[in-house]
Structures are given as structure tokens and as C-alpha cells.
């Protein structure tokens, strides 16, 4: 999964948490963050502290991998591309 925005990250964390059958309170305790902070992260709030994000990813069993990507050409609609089956 490519994470391109705070919203993408929040959705990935929420999905991983739900896939493991864990509540926000359980994950927040494991990551040593508040439940409210986790809720904001899952909602895509873009101002989350990176260190807390890393602890939260660990708490839901996700890792972070950085790799070079080519920027999307101007005007390219990725949603349309994937819906058309070309992606």
C-alpha cells in the first residue's frame, strides 16, 4: 500500500487495528498515546507527531518502508486510472 497523505495513513492504521480486532483504547495504550490522538490519526489529521506515528504503526503490526517514486504527471487522476483497470 502506498501512503500518499495523512488520510491514507489514517485509513491504513484504522484497517490494521480493525483487522486485529482491537479497540482504539487498546491500541492507544499499546502505543502510549491518547485515544483522542489515535482517533485524530485515523481521521487523517495531518499534524500528528512522527515518533508517535511510528509507535502506533508498531502497535497495529504495520511497518514503514520508504522507496523512491516518480511524481504523477500533472492532471493525472489516479482514481480514474485504477477504475479503468490500467493501473
N, C-alpha and C. Protein backbone atom coordinates (compact mmCIF):
# COMPACT_ATOMS: atom_id res chain seq x y z
N UNK A 1 0.85 -1.18 0.00
CA UNK A 1 0.00 0.00 0.00
C UNK A 1 0.89 1.23 0.00
N UNK A 2 0.59 2.15 -0.86
CA UNK A 2 1.32 3.41 -0.91
C UNK A 2 0.54 4.43 -0.09
N UNK A 3 1.24 5.05 0.83
CA UNK A 3 0.66 6.08 1.69
C UNK A 3 1.09 7.43 1.11
N UNK A 4 0.14 8.17 0.58
CA UNK A 4 0.46 9.45 -0.05
C UNK A 4 -0.09 10.65 0.70
N UNK A 5 -0.81 10.40 1.79
CA UNK A 5 -1.39 11.52 2.53
C UNK A 5 -1.67 11.09 3.97
N UNK A 6 -1.95 12.06 4.81
CA UNK A 6 -2.33 11.76 6.19
C UNK A 6 -3.60 10.92 6.22
N UNK A 7 -4.50 11.18 5.30
CA UNK A 7 -5.74 10.40 5.22
C UNK A 7 -5.45 8.93 4.91
N UNK A 8 -4.54 8.69 3.95
CA UNK A 8 -4.16 7.31 3.61
C UNK A 8 -3.57 6.60 4.82
N UNK A 9 -2.71 7.29 5.56
CA UNK A 9 -2.10 6.70 6.74
C UNK A 9 -3.16 6.36 7.78
N UNK A 10 -4.07 7.29 8.01
CA UNK A 10 -5.14 7.06 8.98
C UNK A 10 -6.00 5.87 8.61
N UNK A 11 -6.32 5.75 7.33
CA UNK A 11 -7.13 4.61 6.88
C UNK A 11 -6.38 3.29 7.06
N UNK A 12 -5.09 3.30 6.80
CA UNK A 12 -4.29 2.09 6.95
C UNK A 12 -4.21 1.66 8.42
N UNK A 13 -4.02 2.63 9.31
CA UNK A 13 -3.96 2.33 10.74
C UNK A 13 -5.31 1.79 11.22
N UNK A 14 -6.39 2.46 10.83
CA UNK A 14 -7.73 2.01 11.23
C UNK A 14 -8.00 0.58 10.75
N UNK A 15 -7.67 0.31 9.48
CA UNK A 15 -7.93 -1.01 8.92
C UNK A 15 -7.10 -2.08 9.64
N UNK A 16 -5.83 -1.79 9.91
CA UNK A 16 -4.98 -2.75 10.61
C UNK A 16 -5.51 -3.01 12.02
N UNK A 17 -5.95 -1.95 12.69
CA UNK A 17 -6.50 -2.10 14.04
C UNK A 17 -7.75 -2.97 14.01
N UNK A 18 -8.64 -2.67 13.09
CA UNK A 18 -9.89 -3.44 12.98
C UNK A 18 -9.63 -4.89 12.56
N UNK A 19 -8.67 -5.11 11.65
CA UNK A 19 -8.33 -6.46 11.22
C UNK A 19 -7.84 -7.31 12.39
N UNK A 20 -7.23 -6.68 13.37
CA UNK A 20 -6.72 -7.38 14.54
C UNK A 20 -7.74 -7.43 15.68
N UNK A 21 -8.92 -6.86 15.44
CA UNK A 21 -9.98 -6.90 16.44
C UNK A 21 -9.68 -6.09 17.69
N UNK A 22 -8.93 -5.00 17.53
CA UNK A 22 -8.53 -4.20 18.68
C UNK A 22 -9.29 -2.88 18.69
N UNK A 23 -9.56 -2.39 19.88
CA UNK A 23 -10.24 -1.11 20.02
C UNK A 23 -9.22 0.02 19.96
N UNK A 24 -9.72 1.23 19.77
CA UNK A 24 -8.83 2.38 19.81
C UNK A 24 -8.15 2.49 21.17
N UNK A 25 -8.88 2.21 22.22
CA UNK A 25 -8.29 2.29 23.57
C UNK A 25 -7.15 1.29 23.74
N UNK A 26 -7.32 0.08 23.22
CA UNK A 26 -6.26 -0.94 23.34
C UNK A 26 -5.01 -0.53 22.57
N UNK A 27 -5.20 -0.05 21.34
CA UNK A 27 -4.05 0.36 20.53
C UNK A 27 -3.39 1.60 21.13
N UNK A 28 -4.19 2.53 21.60
CA UNK A 28 -3.63 3.74 22.21
C UNK A 28 -2.76 3.38 23.41
N UNK A 29 -3.23 2.47 24.23
CA UNK A 29 -2.44 2.05 25.40
C UNK A 29 -1.14 1.38 24.96
N UNK A 30 -1.21 0.51 23.95
CA UNK A 30 -0.01 -0.18 23.47
C UNK A 30 1.00 0.79 22.86
N UNK A 31 0.50 1.85 22.22
CA UNK A 31 1.38 2.83 21.57
C UNK A 31 1.77 3.98 22.49
N UNK A 32 1.18 3.99 23.69
CA UNK A 32 1.42 5.06 24.67
C UNK A 32 1.03 6.43 24.11
N UNK A 33 -0.16 6.46 23.50
CA UNK A 33 -0.76 7.71 23.03
C UNK A 33 -2.18 7.77 23.58
N UNK A 34 -2.80 8.93 23.51
CA UNK A 34 -4.19 9.03 23.98
C UNK A 34 -5.13 8.45 22.92
N UNK A 35 -6.28 8.02 23.37
CA UNK A 35 -7.28 7.52 22.44
C UNK A 35 -7.70 8.63 21.49
N UNK A 36 -7.79 9.86 21.98
CA UNK A 36 -8.15 11.00 21.14
C UNK A 36 -7.10 11.23 20.05
N UNK A 37 -5.82 11.10 20.41
CA UNK A 37 -4.75 11.28 19.42
C UNK A 37 -4.89 10.21 18.33
N UNK A 38 -5.14 8.96 18.74
CA UNK A 38 -5.31 7.88 17.77
C UNK A 38 -6.52 8.13 16.88
N UNK A 39 -7.60 8.59 17.47
CA UNK A 39 -8.79 8.93 16.69
C UNK A 39 -8.48 9.99 15.65
N UNK A 40 -7.73 11.01 16.03
CA UNK A 40 -7.33 12.06 15.09
C UNK A 40 -6.46 11.49 13.97
N UNK A 41 -5.53 10.61 14.32
CA UNK A 41 -4.67 9.99 13.31
C UNK A 41 -5.52 9.19 12.33
N UNK A 42 -6.44 8.39 12.84
CA UNK A 42 -7.29 7.58 11.96
C UNK A 42 -8.18 8.45 11.08
N UNK A 43 -8.50 9.64 11.55
CA UNK A 43 -9.33 10.57 10.78
C UNK A 43 -8.52 11.34 9.74
N UNK A 44 -7.19 11.14 9.74
CA UNK A 44 -6.35 11.79 8.74
C UNK A 44 -5.84 13.15 9.13
N UNK A 45 -5.84 13.48 10.41
CA UNK A 45 -5.32 14.77 10.86
C UNK A 45 -3.85 14.87 10.48
N UNK A 46 -3.47 15.89 9.72
CA UNK A 46 -2.12 15.94 9.17
C UNK A 46 -1.03 16.42 10.12
N UNK A 47 -1.34 16.79 11.33
CA UNK A 47 -0.31 17.36 12.20
C UNK A 47 0.20 16.39 13.26
N UNK A 48 0.04 15.10 13.05
CA UNK A 48 0.47 14.11 14.03
C UNK A 48 2.00 14.04 14.11
N UNK A 49 2.53 13.89 15.32
CA UNK A 49 3.97 13.78 15.54
C UNK A 49 4.48 12.45 14.99
N UNK A 50 5.57 12.50 14.25
CA UNK A 50 6.07 11.31 13.56
C UNK A 50 6.47 10.19 14.51
N UNK A 51 7.10 10.51 15.62
CA UNK A 51 7.50 9.48 16.58
C UNK A 51 6.30 8.73 17.12
N UNK A 52 5.23 9.44 17.38
CA UNK A 52 4.01 8.78 17.85
C UNK A 52 3.39 7.93 16.75
N UNK A 53 3.50 8.39 15.52
CA UNK A 53 3.01 7.59 14.39
C UNK A 53 3.75 6.27 14.33
N UNK A 54 5.07 6.31 14.47
CA UNK A 54 5.86 5.07 14.41
C UNK A 54 5.47 4.11 15.52
N UNK A 55 5.26 4.61 16.73
CA UNK A 55 4.82 3.74 17.84
C UNK A 55 3.46 3.15 17.55
N UNK A 56 2.57 3.93 16.96
CA UNK A 56 1.23 3.45 16.65
C UNK A 56 1.28 2.39 15.55
N UNK A 57 2.09 2.60 14.52
CA UNK A 57 2.24 1.59 13.47
C UNK A 57 2.71 0.27 14.08
N UNK A 58 3.67 0.35 14.98
CA UNK A 58 4.17 -0.85 15.65
C UNK A 58 3.05 -1.53 16.44
N UNK A 59 2.22 -0.75 17.10
CA UNK A 59 1.14 -1.30 17.93
C UNK A 59 0.08 -2.04 17.12
N UNK A 60 -0.08 -1.67 15.84
CA UNK A 60 -1.06 -2.36 14.99
C UNK A 60 -0.40 -3.32 14.02
N UNK A 61 0.90 -3.53 14.18
CA UNK A 61 1.60 -4.52 13.35
C UNK A 61 1.93 -4.06 11.95
N UNK A 62 2.11 -2.76 11.77
CA UNK A 62 2.49 -2.24 10.46
C UNK A 62 3.92 -1.71 10.52
N UNK A 63 4.61 -1.79 9.39
CA UNK A 63 5.94 -1.22 9.28
C UNK A 63 5.91 -0.07 8.30
N UNK A 64 7.02 0.61 8.20
CA UNK A 64 7.13 1.74 7.30
C UNK A 64 8.30 1.47 6.37
N UNK A 65 8.08 1.64 5.08
CA UNK A 65 9.10 1.40 4.09
C UNK A 65 9.16 2.62 3.18
N UNK A 66 10.32 3.18 3.01
CA UNK A 66 10.48 4.33 2.12
C UNK A 66 11.19 3.88 0.86
N UNK A 67 10.69 4.33 -0.28
CA UNK A 67 11.29 3.96 -1.55
C UNK A 67 11.07 5.10 -2.54
N UNK A 68 11.94 5.22 -3.53
CA UNK A 68 11.78 6.31 -4.49
C UNK A 68 10.56 6.08 -5.37
N UNK A 69 9.84 7.14 -5.64
CA UNK A 69 8.69 7.08 -6.53
C UNK A 69 8.79 8.22 -7.53
N UNK A 70 8.20 8.01 -8.67
CA UNK A 70 8.12 9.05 -9.68
C UNK A 70 6.88 9.88 -9.41
N UNK A 71 7.00 11.19 -9.47
CA UNK A 71 5.81 12.02 -9.28
C UNK A 71 4.79 11.78 -10.38
N UNK A 72 3.52 11.86 -10.02
CA UNK A 72 2.45 11.69 -11.01
C UNK A 72 2.47 12.87 -11.97
N UNK A 73 2.23 12.60 -13.24
CA UNK A 73 2.17 13.72 -14.20
C UNK A 73 1.03 14.68 -13.84
N UNK A 74 1.20 15.94 -14.17
CA UNK A 74 0.16 16.95 -13.93
C UNK A 74 -1.15 16.50 -14.56
N UNK A 75 -2.21 16.63 -13.81
CA UNK A 75 -3.53 16.34 -14.35
C UNK A 75 -3.92 14.88 -14.36
N UNK A 76 -3.04 13.98 -13.92
CA UNK A 76 -3.37 12.56 -13.92
C UNK A 76 -4.29 12.25 -12.75
N UNK A 77 -5.42 11.65 -13.02
CA UNK A 77 -6.38 11.27 -11.99
C UNK A 77 -6.18 9.78 -11.69
N UNK A 78 -5.49 9.47 -10.59
CA UNK A 78 -5.18 8.07 -10.26
C UNK A 78 -6.43 7.25 -10.01
N UNK A 79 -7.46 7.84 -9.43
CA UNK A 79 -8.69 7.10 -9.19
C UNK A 79 -9.30 6.60 -10.51
N UNK A 80 -9.33 7.47 -11.49
CA UNK A 80 -9.86 7.08 -12.81
C UNK A 80 -8.97 6.03 -13.45
N UNK A 81 -7.69 6.18 -13.33
CA UNK A 81 -6.76 5.22 -13.91
C UNK A 81 -6.99 3.82 -13.35
N UNK A 82 -7.13 3.72 -12.02
CA UNK A 82 -7.33 2.41 -11.39
C UNK A 82 -8.72 1.86 -11.67
N UNK A 83 -9.73 2.71 -11.76
CA UNK A 83 -11.08 2.25 -12.08
C UNK A 83 -11.14 1.67 -13.48
N UNK A 84 -10.36 2.25 -14.40
CA UNK A 84 -10.34 1.76 -15.77
C UNK A 84 -9.53 0.47 -15.92
N UNK A 85 -8.86 0.04 -14.86
CA UNK A 85 -8.08 -1.19 -14.90
C UNK A 85 -6.73 -1.04 -15.56
N UNK A 86 -6.29 0.18 -15.77
CA UNK A 86 -4.98 0.39 -16.40
C UNK A 86 -3.88 0.50 -15.38
N UNK A 87 -4.21 0.55 -14.10
CA UNK A 87 -3.17 0.74 -13.07
C UNK A 87 -2.79 -0.53 -12.40
